[in-house]
Amino acid sequence: MGGVNIYCGSFVGEDKSGTKFETVLSEVAANDGRANTKKIILGIMESINDADDHILISAEDAKELIFPLTEYLQRLRDDISAFDLREYCAIDLLKACEVAVEEKEPIALVW
């Protein structure tokens, strides 16, 4: 998979900001103890196997990811000293989740 872009309703992420989304979501799942978060992320990861050029994350799942992504981004910023591609991804993924909830649109991760 090459560069991944993030779209949701009126939101368009920075160029290829979603490229590290698998890493970000795996790390979110590893650091968040809630079963629902892990279930949502597992479903997203499994959808990659059937995808041709994109996957969708429902607005309902996006709502559940806002809190763990916010915590992840804060921890990441506390741990890194320079800008990191995971931070680039987490910023846009979090914004896409917020827009998904507000506009009731799915998030598209497109490669």
Protein backbone atom coordinates (compact mmCIF):
# COMPACT_ATOMS: atom_id res chain seq x y z
CA MET A 1 0.00 0.00 0.00
CA GLY A 2 1.43 3.41 -0.97
CA GLY A 3 0.47 6.71 0.61
CA VAL A 4 -2.92 6.84 2.31
CA ASN A 5 -5.17 9.90 2.33
CA ILE A 6 -7.92 10.63 4.87
CA TYR A 7 -11.29 12.08 3.87
CA CYS A 8 -14.51 12.66 5.76
CA GLY A 9 -17.36 14.91 4.67
CA SER A 10 -15.94 18.44 4.49
CA PHE A 11 -12.56 17.32 5.90
CA VAL A 12 -9.61 16.51 3.65
CA GLY A 13 -6.46 15.45 5.46
CA GLU A 14 -2.96 16.53 4.58
CA ASP A 15 -1.34 14.71 1.65
CA LYS A 16 -0.69 11.07 2.58
CA SER A 17 -1.26 11.77 6.29
CA GLY A 18 -2.98 8.40 6.72
CA THR A 19 0.02 6.37 5.59
CA LYS A 20 0.77 5.24 9.18
CA PHE A 21 -2.87 4.52 10.08
CA GLU A 22 -2.26 0.81 10.66
CA THR A 23 0.56 1.57 13.10
CA VAL A 24 -1.45 4.29 14.84
CA LEU A 25 -4.53 2.10 15.25
CA SER A 26 -2.45 -0.86 16.45
CA GLU A 27 -0.78 1.33 19.06
CA VAL A 28 -4.13 2.80 20.12
CA ALA A 29 -5.53 -0.72 20.58
CA ALA A 30 -2.45 -1.80 22.55
CA ASN A 31 -2.71 1.18 24.91
CA ASP A 32 -6.49 1.36 25.37
CA GLY A 33 -7.95 -1.26 27.67
CA ARG A 34 -11.54 -0.98 26.50
CA ALA A 35 -12.86 -4.01 24.66
CA ASN A 36 -15.00 -1.89 22.34
CA THR A 37 -11.97 0.07 21.11
CA LYS A 38 -10.11 -3.15 20.35
CA LYS A 39 -13.17 -4.60 18.58
CA ILE A 40 -13.57 -1.51 16.37
CA ILE A 41 -9.88 -1.43 15.47
CA LEU A 42 -9.83 -5.18 14.74
CA GLY A 43 -12.79 -4.67 12.39
CA ILE A 44 -10.98 -1.85 10.60
CA MET A 45 -7.83 -3.93 10.23
CA GLU A 46 -9.80 -6.91 8.93
CA SER A 47 -11.53 -4.71 6.34
CA ILE A 48 -8.14 -3.99 4.75
CA ASN A 49 -7.97 -7.60 3.53
CA ASP A 50 -11.08 -7.16 1.38
CA ALA A 51 -10.32 -3.63 0.18
CA ASP A 52 -9.14 -2.64 -3.28
CA ASP A 53 -8.22 1.01 -2.84
CA HIS A 54 -10.02 2.27 0.28
CA ILE A 55 -11.74 1.40 3.52
CA LEU A 56 -14.52 3.18 5.37
CA ILE A 57 -14.89 3.81 9.10
CA SER A 58 -18.47 4.46 10.15
CA ALA A 59 -19.42 7.62 12.01
CA GLU A 60 -20.49 5.43 14.96
CA ASP A 61 -17.05 3.78 15.15
CA ALA A 62 -15.36 7.16 14.67
CA LYS A 63 -17.21 8.48 17.72
CA GLU A 64 -15.80 5.64 19.82
CA LEU A 65 -12.27 6.36 18.58
CA ILE A 66 -12.16 10.06 19.56
CA PHE A 67 -11.21 9.53 23.20
CA PRO A 68 -8.56 6.84 22.65
CA LEU A 69 -7.04 8.79 19.73
CA THR A 70 -6.92 11.95 21.85
CA GLU A 71 -5.11 10.07 24.63
CA TYR A 72 -2.77 8.41 22.13
CA LEU A 73 -1.85 11.72 20.52
CA GLN A 74 -1.09 13.28 23.91
CA ARG A 75 1.09 10.31 24.95
CA LEU A 76 2.85 10.37 21.60
CA ARG A 77 3.61 14.08 21.92
CA ASP A 78 4.96 13.50 25.43
CA ASP A 79 7.27 10.73 24.17
CA ILE A 80 8.68 12.13 20.94
CA SER A 81 11.03 15.06 20.60
CA ALA A 82 10.46 15.80 16.90
CA PHE A 83 7.51 15.56 14.54
CA ASP A 84 6.75 11.95 13.70
CA LEU A 85 4.64 10.40 10.91
CA ARG A 86 2.45 8.76 13.54
CA GLU A 87 1.63 12.21 14.93
CA TYR A 88 0.88 13.47 11.40
CA CYS A 89 -1.56 10.57 10.97
CA ALA A 90 -3.13 10.78 14.44
CA ILE A 91 -3.86 14.50 14.05
CA ASP A 92 -5.78 13.99 10.80
CA LEU A 93 -7.43 10.76 11.92
CA LEU A 94 -8.71 12.46 15.08
CA LYS A 95 -10.00 15.44 13.09
CA ALA A 96 -11.71 13.07 10.64
CA CYS A 97 -13.38 11.28 13.58
CA GLU A 98 -14.67 14.59 14.93
CA VAL A 99 -16.02 15.58 11.50
CA ALA A 100 -17.58 12.12 11.06
CA VAL A 101 -19.57 12.58 14.26
CA GLU A 102 -20.54 16.17 13.43
CA GLU A 103 -21.51 15.53 9.81
CA LYS A 104 -22.64 11.90 10.24
CA GLU A 105 -20.36 10.81 7.38
CA PRO A 106 -17.98 7.83 7.21
CA ILE A 107 -14.23 8.30 7.12
CA ALA A 108 -12.53 7.12 3.92
CA LEU A 109 -8.93 5.97 4.02
CA VAL A 110 -7.87 5.89 0.37
CA TRP A 111 -4.66 4.55 -1.16
